[in-house]
Protein backbone atom coordinates (compact mmCIF):
# COMPACT_ATOMS: atom_id res chain seq x y z
CA MET A 1 -48.62 -28.35 19.83
CA GLU A 2 -48.79 -31.29 22.64
CA ASP A 3 -52.68 -29.12 23.49
CA LEU A 4 -53.51 -28.87 19.86
CA GLN A 5 -52.19 -32.50 19.09
CA ARG A 6 -54.26 -33.20 21.86
CA ALA A 7 -57.77 -31.44 20.85
CA LEU A 8 -57.07 -33.18 17.56
CA SER A 9 -56.38 -36.43 18.43
CA GLU A 10 -60.22 -36.40 20.77
CA ARG A 11 -61.98 -35.31 17.22
CA GLY A 12 -60.13 -37.78 15.61
CA LEU A 13 -57.59 -35.69 13.65
CA THR A 14 -53.58 -35.30 14.13
CA VAL A 15 -51.87 -32.15 12.42
CA SER A 16 -49.11 -34.44 10.31
CA THR A 17 -45.65 -32.93 8.06
CA LEU A 18 -45.66 -33.96 4.31
CA PRO A 19 -41.79 -33.32 2.33
CA ASP A 20 -43.96 -31.20 -0.64
CA LYS A 21 -46.93 -30.17 1.46
CA GLY A 22 -45.46 -29.19 5.12
CA ARG A 23 -48.56 -29.40 7.49
CA CYS A 24 -51.44 -31.30 6.92
CA LEU A 25 -54.22 -32.24 9.07
CA LEU A 26 -55.20 -35.94 8.44
CA THR A 27 -57.91 -38.34 9.99
CA LEU A 28 -56.85 -41.09 12.58
CA ARG A 29 -60.76 -42.71 11.91
CA ASP A 30 -63.21 -42.63 9.18
CA PHE A 31 -65.54 -39.56 8.21
CA SER A 32 -69.06 -39.97 6.51
CA PRO A 33 -70.15 -37.40 4.36
CA GLY A 34 -71.72 -34.63 6.15
CA ASN A 35 -69.90 -35.42 9.55
CA VAL A 36 -68.33 -32.12 11.65
CA ILE A 37 -64.48 -33.11 11.08
CA LEU A 38 -63.76 -29.41 12.72
CA SER A 39 -65.32 -26.30 13.81
CA GLU A 40 -63.15 -23.23 15.05
CA GLU A 41 -63.93 -19.92 16.32
CA PRO A 42 -61.72 -16.95 14.44
CA TYR A 43 -58.78 -15.64 16.27
CA VAL A 44 -59.80 -12.21 15.54
CA SER A 45 -62.09 -11.44 12.71
CA VAL A 46 -63.56 -8.16 11.54
CA PRO A 47 -66.75 -7.44 9.19
CA ASN A 48 -65.95 -6.50 5.66
CA LYS A 49 -65.86 -2.76 5.17
CA ALA A 50 -68.98 -2.70 2.45
CA SER A 51 -70.58 -3.75 6.20
CA ARG A 52 -68.87 -2.31 8.47
CA ASP A 53 -71.48 0.48 9.65
CA SER A 54 -74.44 -2.45 9.39
CA ARG A 55 -72.91 -5.27 11.12
CA CYS A 56 -71.91 -6.03 14.59
CA ASP A 57 -68.08 -6.29 15.04
CA TRP A 58 -68.06 -9.52 17.02
CA CYS A 59 -71.58 -11.51 15.70
CA PHE A 60 -71.95 -9.94 12.31
CA MET A 61 -75.46 -9.64 12.96
CA THR A 62 -77.29 -6.45 11.51
CA SER A 63 -80.08 -5.94 14.11
CA ASN A 64 -80.23 -3.32 17.23
CA LEU A 65 -76.82 -2.05 16.80
CA LYS A 66 -75.15 1.17 18.53
CA LYS A 67 -71.76 3.21 17.71
CA CYS A 68 -69.35 2.44 20.19
CA SER A 69 -69.62 5.82 22.45
CA ALA A 70 -65.80 6.15 22.83
CA CYS A 71 -64.49 5.62 19.04
CA HIS A 72 -67.32 5.45 17.42
CA VAL A 73 -66.16 3.23 14.28
CA VAL A 74 -67.05 0.08 16.12
CA TRP A 75 -71.07 -1.41 15.76
CA TYR A 76 -72.53 -4.23 18.51
CA CYS A 77 -75.89 -5.39 18.43
CA GLY A 78 -75.91 -5.68 22.38
CA SER A 79 -74.05 -5.64 25.93
CA THR A 80 -73.56 -9.74 24.95
CA CYS A 81 -71.05 -8.43 22.50
CA GLN A 82 -69.71 -6.14 23.26
CA MET A 83 -68.51 -7.23 26.32
CA SER A 84 -67.25 -10.78 24.71
CA ASP A 85 -64.89 -8.56 22.04
CA TRP A 86 -63.72 -5.87 25.02
CA LYS A 87 -60.83 -7.70 25.60
CA LEU A 88 -59.19 -6.88 22.08
CA HIS A 89 -61.31 -3.43 21.83
CA ARG A 90 -60.85 -1.59 24.64
CA LEU A 91 -56.84 -1.01 23.29
CA GLU A 92 -58.06 -0.69 20.01
CA CYS A 93 -60.42 1.75 20.74
CA ARG A 94 -57.67 3.85 22.12
CA ALA A 95 -56.20 4.17 18.46
CA LEU A 96 -59.46 4.64 16.42
CA SER A 97 -60.38 7.46 19.55
CA LYS A 98 -57.44 9.74 18.10
CA LEU A 99 -58.13 9.02 14.06
CA ASP A 100 -60.06 11.56 12.74
CA LYS A 101 -62.84 11.32 10.37
CA GLU A 102 -60.87 11.35 7.15
CA ARG A 103 -58.16 8.64 8.42
CA GLN A 104 -61.17 6.52 9.43
CA LYS A 105 -62.67 5.95 6.20
CA SER A 106 -60.27 4.43 5.20
CA LEU A 107 -59.05 2.57 7.34
CA THR A 108 -59.56 -0.98 5.43
CA PRO A 109 -60.72 -4.33 6.87
CA SER A 110 -57.20 -5.57 6.24
CA ILE A 111 -55.55 -2.78 8.58
CA ARG A 112 -57.53 -3.34 11.38
CA LEU A 113 -57.49 -7.63 11.08
CA MET A 114 -53.23 -6.42 11.36
CA VAL A 115 -54.07 -4.30 14.56
CA LYS A 116 -56.08 -6.89 15.94
CA LEU A 117 -53.62 -9.41 15.49
CA CYS A 118 -50.82 -7.72 17.11
CA ILE A 119 -53.03 -6.81 20.00
CA ARG A 120 -53.95 -10.56 20.73
CA ARG A 121 -50.78 -11.67 20.38
CA LYS A 122 -49.10 -9.29 22.94
CA LEU A 123 -51.94 -10.36 25.14
CA GLN A 124 -51.06 -13.92 24.40
CA ILE A 125 -47.64 -15.68 24.87
CA ASP A 126 -48.69 -18.70 21.74
CA LYS A 127 -47.51 -17.20 18.39
CA LEU A 128 -49.87 -18.83 15.67
CA ALA A 129 -49.57 -19.28 11.98
CA CYS A 130 -52.89 -18.71 10.30
CA ASN A 131 -54.29 -17.25 6.82
CA ALA A 132 -57.42 -15.30 6.70
CA HIS A 133 -60.62 -16.76 5.78
CA THR A 134 -63.36 -14.97 3.75
CA ILE A 135 -66.33 -15.60 6.63
CA CYS A 136 -69.76 -15.97 4.75
CA ASP A 137 -73.34 -16.35 5.43
CA SER A 138 -74.97 -19.84 4.60
CA GLU A 139 -75.74 -18.50 1.44
CA LEU A 140 -72.29 -17.55 0.48
CA ARG A 141 -72.19 -13.79 0.94
CA PRO A 142 -69.03 -12.32 2.32
CA LEU A 143 -69.74 -10.46 5.23
CA GLY A 144 -66.05 -10.10 6.82
CA THR A 145 -62.65 -11.67 7.74
CA GLY A 146 -60.98 -14.25 10.12
CA LEU A 147 -58.12 -15.62 10.93
CA TYR A 148 -58.36 -19.57 11.91
CA PRO A 149 -55.21 -21.02 12.86
CA VAL A 150 -56.27 -24.46 12.78
CA VAL A 151 -58.41 -24.57 10.18
CA SER A 152 -55.61 -23.06 8.24
CA ILE A 153 -53.45 -25.99 8.26
CA ILE A 154 -55.88 -27.61 5.51
CA ASN A 155 -54.47 -28.43 2.20
CA HIS A 156 -55.82 -27.42 -0.99
CA SER A 157 -57.55 -29.80 -3.44
CA CYS A 158 -58.96 -29.14 -6.06
CA LEU A 159 -61.02 -32.33 -5.93
CA PRO A 160 -61.80 -31.96 -2.24
CA ASN A 161 -63.09 -34.32 0.26
CA ALA A 162 -64.22 -31.05 2.73
CA VAL A 163 -65.92 -27.66 2.64
CA LEU A 164 -65.27 -25.20 5.22
CA ALA A 165 -68.71 -23.36 5.72
CA PHE A 166 -69.37 -20.94 8.50
CA GLU A 167 -72.17 -20.35 11.33
CA GLY A 168 -72.00 -16.93 12.38
CA ARG A 169 -68.36 -16.52 12.85
CA LEU A 170 -67.56 -20.61 13.90
CA ALA A 171 -66.01 -22.21 10.52
CA VAL A 172 -67.40 -25.14 10.14
CA ILE A 173 -65.10 -28.45 8.01
CA ARG A 174 -67.68 -30.96 6.67
CA ALA A 175 -66.84 -33.96 5.05
CA VAL A 176 -68.49 -34.18 1.84
CA GLN A 177 -67.39 -37.70 1.07
CA HIS A 178 -66.03 -40.50 3.09
CA ILE A 179 -63.10 -39.85 4.32
CA PRO A 180 -61.26 -43.69 5.63
CA LYS A 181 -58.58 -43.53 8.52
CA ASP A 182 -55.20 -42.40 7.58
CA THR A 183 -56.15 -39.89 4.95
CA GLU A 184 -55.62 -35.83 3.94
CA VAL A 185 -58.46 -34.03 5.12
CA LEU A 186 -58.16 -31.25 2.06
CA ILE A 187 -60.61 -27.94 0.90
CA SER A 188 -60.80 -25.73 -2.38
CA TYR A 189 -59.32 -22.51 -1.16
CA ILE A 190 -60.36 -21.32 -5.07
CA GLU A 191 -63.09 -21.38 -7.75
CA THR A 192 -62.79 -24.76 -9.04
CA ALA A 193 -64.49 -24.22 -12.09
CA GLY A 194 -62.88 -23.63 -14.85
CA SER A 195 -60.08 -25.10 -16.83
CA THR A 196 -56.95 -26.45 -15.23
CA MET A 197 -54.05 -23.46 -16.81
CA THR A 198 -56.95 -20.98 -15.02
CA ARG A 199 -57.24 -23.09 -11.32
CA GLN A 200 -53.29 -23.17 -11.34
CA LYS A 201 -53.20 -19.50 -12.31
CA ALA A 202 -55.45 -18.63 -9.19
CA LEU A 203 -53.31 -20.51 -7.22
CA LYS A 204 -50.20 -18.93 -8.46
CA GLU A 205 -51.40 -15.76 -7.95
CA GLN A 206 -53.14 -15.86 -4.42
CA TYR A 207 -51.23 -18.70 -2.66
CA PHE A 208 -47.92 -19.29 -4.78
CA PHE A 209 -48.31 -22.69 -5.25
CA SER A 210 -49.28 -24.77 -7.87
CA CYS A 211 -51.62 -28.05 -6.97
CA THR A 212 -50.72 -31.19 -8.11
CA CYS A 213 -54.42 -33.18 -6.67
CA PRO A 214 -55.80 -35.97 -9.34
CA ARG A 215 -57.53 -33.22 -11.55
CA CYS A 216 -54.82 -30.93 -11.71
CA ALA A 217 -52.02 -34.14 -12.81
CA LYS A 218 -54.10 -34.58 -16.42
CA VAL A 219 -53.00 -31.25 -17.25
CA GLY A 220 -51.73 -31.14 -21.16
CA GLN A 221 -53.63 -34.86 -21.65
CA LEU A 222 -56.41 -34.83 -24.23
CA GLU A 223 -58.92 -34.99 -21.82
CA ASP A 224 -57.77 -31.82 -20.06
CA ILE A 225 -57.57 -30.15 -23.35
CA GLN A 226 -60.63 -30.93 -24.23
CA GLU A 227 -62.09 -29.78 -21.00
CA SER A 228 -60.65 -26.46 -21.14
CA ALA A 229 -61.82 -25.99 -24.26
CA VAL A 230 -65.92 -26.71 -24.30
CA LEU A 231 -65.90 -24.57 -20.51
CA GLU A 232 -63.32 -21.79 -21.89
CA GLY A 233 -63.59 -21.98 -26.00
CA TYR A 234 -65.57 -21.86 -28.63
CA ARG A 235 -68.88 -23.96 -30.17
CA CYS A 236 -69.11 -25.13 -33.43
CA LYS A 237 -70.44 -22.71 -36.06
CA ASP A 238 -73.40 -25.35 -36.62
CA ILE A 239 -75.85 -24.63 -33.59
CA ARG A 240 -77.55 -27.66 -33.61
CA CYS A 241 -74.18 -29.31 -33.14
CA ASN A 242 -73.15 -29.23 -29.30
CA GLY A 243 -69.21 -29.73 -30.69
CA PHE A 244 -66.13 -27.88 -29.76
CA LEU A 245 -63.57 -25.93 -31.06
CA LEU A 246 -59.42 -26.86 -30.47
CA ARG A 247 -57.51 -24.11 -31.93
CA ASP A 248 -54.18 -26.12 -32.44
CA SER A 249 -56.63 -27.98 -34.47
CA GLY A 250 -57.53 -24.89 -37.16
CA PHE A 251 -60.58 -24.52 -35.60
CA ILE A 252 -62.28 -27.64 -36.06
CA CYS A 253 -64.81 -28.94 -34.28
CA GLN A 254 -64.08 -32.04 -32.70
CA GLU A 255 -67.69 -33.38 -33.12
CA CYS A 256 -68.93 -33.29 -36.86
CA GLY A 257 -65.62 -32.01 -37.87
CA LEU A 258 -66.97 -28.29 -39.40
CA VAL A 259 -64.37 -25.83 -40.05
CA ARG A 260 -65.31 -22.25 -38.31
CA ASP A 261 -63.58 -19.41 -39.71
CA LYS A 262 -60.77 -17.60 -37.77
CA GLU A 263 -62.36 -13.86 -38.70
CA GLU A 264 -65.68 -14.73 -38.11
CA ILE A 265 -64.54 -15.55 -34.21
CA ARG A 266 -62.95 -12.21 -33.87
CA LYS A 267 -65.61 -10.34 -35.34
CA ILE A 268 -67.89 -12.30 -33.02
CA ALA A 269 -65.57 -11.78 -29.99
CA SER A 270 -65.25 -7.92 -30.07
CA GLU A 271 -68.61 -7.41 -30.37
CA VAL A 272 -68.61 -9.69 -27.25
CA LYS A 273 -66.64 -7.53 -25.18
CA LEU A 274 -68.08 -3.86 -26.66
CA LEU A 275 -71.89 -4.93 -25.62
CA SER A 276 -69.81 -6.49 -22.05
CA GLU A 277 -68.37 -3.09 -21.64
CA LYS A 278 -71.58 -1.47 -21.83
CA ALA A 279 -73.69 -4.09 -19.80
CA SER A 280 -71.15 -3.47 -16.87
CA GLU A 281 -71.21 -0.03 -17.33
CA LEU A 282 -74.84 0.10 -17.12
CA LEU A 283 -75.08 -1.78 -14.12
CA VAL A 284 -72.49 -0.04 -12.11
CA SER A 285 -74.16 3.59 -12.78
CA GLY A 286 -77.37 2.19 -11.06
CA TYR A 287 -79.06 1.85 -14.34
CA LYS A 288 -80.81 -1.88 -13.39
CA MET A 289 -83.23 -2.10 -16.82
CA GLU A 290 -80.87 -0.95 -19.31
CA ALA A 291 -78.31 -3.27 -18.05
CA SER A 292 -80.82 -6.90 -18.09
CA ASP A 293 -81.63 -5.54 -21.54
CA THR A 294 -77.93 -5.37 -22.83
CA TYR A 295 -76.71 -8.41 -20.84
CA LYS A 296 -79.99 -10.42 -22.50
CA ALA A 297 -78.20 -9.37 -26.17
CA PHE A 298 -74.95 -10.16 -24.75
CA GLU A 299 -75.68 -13.26 -23.49
CA LYS A 300 -77.59 -14.52 -26.55
CA LEU A 301 -74.95 -13.09 -29.14
CA GLN A 302 -72.79 -15.08 -26.79
CA GLN A 303 -74.24 -18.20 -27.62
CA LYS A 304 -73.37 -17.89 -30.50
CA LEU A 305 -69.60 -18.32 -29.20
CA CYS A 306 -69.27 -20.02 -26.39
CA HIS A 307 -70.04 -23.81 -25.76
CA PRO A 308 -73.31 -24.12 -23.98
CA TYR A 309 -70.92 -25.18 -20.80
CA SER A 310 -68.99 -22.36 -20.79
CA ILE A 311 -68.32 -20.45 -18.06
CA ASP A 312 -67.96 -17.09 -19.42
CA LEU A 313 -71.70 -17.57 -20.59
CA MET A 314 -72.67 -19.28 -16.91
CA ARG A 315 -71.35 -16.27 -15.76
CA THR A 316 -73.18 -13.79 -17.41
CA ARG A 317 -76.39 -15.79 -16.97
CA GLU A 318 -75.29 -15.74 -13.14
CA THR A 319 -74.99 -11.99 -13.50
CA LEU A 320 -78.72 -11.44 -15.48
CA LEU A 321 -80.06 -13.96 -12.74
CA LYS A 322 -78.79 -11.17 -9.92
CA ILE A 323 -79.71 -8.46 -11.94
CA LEU A 324 -83.26 -9.71 -12.89
CA MET A 325 -84.20 -10.43 -8.97
CA GLU A 326 -83.91 -7.25 -7.94
CA LEU A 327 -86.28 -5.52 -10.66
CA GLN A 328 -88.79 -9.16 -9.08
CA ASN A 329 -89.15 -10.03 -12.92
CA TRP A 330 -89.45 -13.62 -11.60
CA LYS A 331 -90.37 -15.25 -14.82
CA ASP A 332 -87.30 -13.93 -16.37
CA ALA A 333 -85.07 -14.79 -13.80
CA LEU A 334 -86.27 -18.55 -13.53
CA ALA A 335 -85.53 -19.14 -17.43
CA TYR A 336 -81.68 -17.63 -16.25
CA CYS A 337 -81.57 -19.58 -13.60
CA LYS A 338 -82.58 -22.71 -15.03
CA LEU A 339 -80.27 -22.36 -17.75
CA THR A 340 -76.99 -22.36 -15.26
CA ILE A 341 -77.75 -25.68 -13.58
CA PRO A 342 -76.50 -28.16 -16.41
CA VAL A 343 -73.53 -26.23 -16.31
CA TYR A 344 -73.21 -26.00 -12.48
CA GLU A 345 -74.19 -29.93 -12.36
CA ARG A 346 -71.25 -30.43 -14.80
CA VAL A 347 -68.23 -28.08 -13.00
CA TYR A 348 -69.40 -28.46 -9.67
CA PRO A 349 -69.05 -31.75 -7.85
CA GLY A 350 -72.57 -33.44 -6.36
CA PHE A 351 -72.15 -31.91 -2.70
CA HIS A 352 -70.39 -28.30 -3.58
CA PRO A 353 -72.52 -25.89 -1.56
CA LEU A 354 -73.17 -23.79 -4.79
CA LEU A 355 -74.95 -26.45 -6.82
CA GLY A 356 -76.99 -26.75 -3.44
CA LEU A 357 -77.96 -23.05 -3.29
CA GLN A 358 -78.78 -22.89 -7.22
CA TYR A 359 -81.51 -25.32 -6.48
CA TYR A 360 -82.15 -23.66 -3.40
CA THR A 361 -83.02 -20.30 -5.97
CA CYS A 362 -84.45 -22.31 -8.77
CA GLY A 363 -87.27 -23.76 -6.29
CA LYS A 364 -88.08 -20.29 -4.49
CA LEU A 365 -88.46 -18.78 -7.78
CA GLU A 366 -91.18 -21.62 -8.93
CA TRP A 367 -92.62 -21.89 -5.78
CA LEU A 368 -93.10 -17.41 -6.07
CA LEU A 369 -94.23 -18.75 -9.71
CA GLY A 370 -97.11 -20.82 -8.12
CA ASP A 371 -94.77 -24.01 -9.69
CA THR A 372 -95.45 -25.88 -6.39
CA GLU A 373 -94.49 -29.44 -7.77
CA ASN A 374 -91.43 -28.38 -9.10
CA ALA A 375 -90.36 -25.89 -6.70
CA MET A 376 -90.64 -29.08 -4.01
CA LYS A 377 -88.37 -31.37 -6.80
CA SER A 378 -85.45 -28.16 -6.72
CA LEU A 379 -85.63 -27.42 -3.03
CA THR A 380 -85.27 -31.62 -2.27
CA LYS A 381 -82.24 -31.49 -4.16
CA ALA A 382 -81.01 -28.46 -2.48
CA VAL A 383 -81.75 -30.06 0.75
CA ASP A 384 -79.77 -33.18 -0.41
CA VAL A 385 -76.55 -30.92 -0.92
CA LEU A 386 -76.55 -28.73 1.23
CA ARG A 387 -77.34 -30.99 4.56
CA ILE A 388 -74.13 -32.62 3.66
CA SER A 389 -72.60 -28.52 3.75
CA HIS A 390 -74.42 -27.12 6.05
CA GLY A 391 -75.50 -29.60 8.30
CA THR A 392 -79.29 -29.43 9.56
CA ASN A 393 -78.84 -27.12 12.95
CA THR A 394 -78.29 -23.87 11.30
CA SER A 395 -81.53 -21.17 10.96
CA PHE A 396 -81.02 -20.92 7.59
CA MET A 397 -81.40 -25.43 7.09
CA LYS A 398 -84.29 -25.27 10.01
CA GLU A 399 -85.79 -22.72 7.11
CA LEU A 400 -84.80 -24.42 3.82
CA LEU A 401 -86.64 -27.71 5.17
CA THR A 402 -90.01 -26.06 6.44
CA LYS A 403 -89.90 -24.91 3.11
CA VAL A 404 -89.48 -28.10 1.78
CA GLU A 405 -92.21 -29.58 3.99
CA GLU A 406 -94.87 -26.76 3.17
CA ALA A 407 -94.34 -27.26 -0.58
CA ARG A 408 -94.85 -30.84 -0.04
CA ALA A 409 -98.01 -30.15 1.71
CA GLU A 410 -98.88 -27.58 -1.09
CA ALA A 411 -98.41 -29.78 -3.81
CA SER A 412 -100.23 -32.95 -2.29
CA TYR A 413 -103.14 -30.26 -1.74
CA LYS A 414 -103.04 -29.65 -5.50
CA LEU A 415 -102.98 -33.03 -6.72
CA LEU A 416 -106.10 -34.04 -4.46
CA SER A 417 -107.86 -31.01 -5.42
CA GLU A 418 -107.28 -32.10 -9.17
CA THR A 419 -109.09 -35.76 -7.93
CA ASP A 420 -111.53 -34.76 -6.33
CA PRO A 421 -113.23 -31.37 -7.35
CA ALA A 422 -115.28 -31.62 -4.01
CA MET A 423 -111.79 -30.19 -1.92
CA ASP A 424 -112.27 -27.27 -3.24
CA GLY A 425 -115.89 -26.47 -1.95
């Protein structure tokens, strides 16, 4: 602990203990938005089962992969990564080599992570308490799982002042707002889009505690009840009205006072459920075109039931966006992407990486469709968010910054072409 405190103090941090939380990470100096608070390599890590045969076990890269010649389970992209992992893998390799092919198939990332943890603890004297974190790429797609002892000291808040991102396997905590000296560093453990009750349920099921952050402290108050009704409840029957209904008030619109029939709501909800199940089955079966059409019908029906800022409606549009991009239907994909943006802006803080990535997707689609001016605006918004959560030195951010400059240059050229016909000659 003394070594840890000494290393943290050099970064302007200290581990402290709070009566109601236990261990926490406190600042010894001010941090500005975008500042790196902490970075840490994993104690142990493994790739996801889905990507086990397609990613290097050490760095999670996908190129030049070769199997370990002894166990035939683990893959590496080169000798450097294999040598880096050899201290642990040489012991794991012996155990894996004894497994037949059927048992190898049932080898989950969780089992491998526990095995690696036991091996590393055997190799070291220190026992470190830590929780698992999902390692994601720059676009927040999961790659694997790692144990980060120091990062695990950081507590949760539904209104975090910092964000966790990954650069390869390196976990990086950055400030997303001004954090004064003597302030606790807080990140979010869960998806924060949703009502207080939904967030509390997720925290209890996954982490066995209740959040007492300022956002959760409003539970049961009128503001919180109204927000829950908008995000997870029903809309006014009048499509021109953006009002919401409260169950305890007899499904009366809180905007215009129009009463909505309970049986009508139940009927539409039943139809929505059936269409949702059908769309999901088609997608799982690989019928993407048919799934796309069914999800579109499902989304139209949801609009009759859900508020425009509904989380369920947003999730349906996210699914449609993903399917349509896979089908290379860029025009429809952009339309649904644009519909999600206002909801993202409402349910996520200004510097949330998911908001930045949605701007990025919107910008890419606009560029593909030749709308350079709007592409430049969307990509610039993406940079404004992601430079805070992701920094500017990763290959993903460098590529994004290059895209912005290219879009800006192309938009300027188009403007000049319109004002000076000689430019086209």
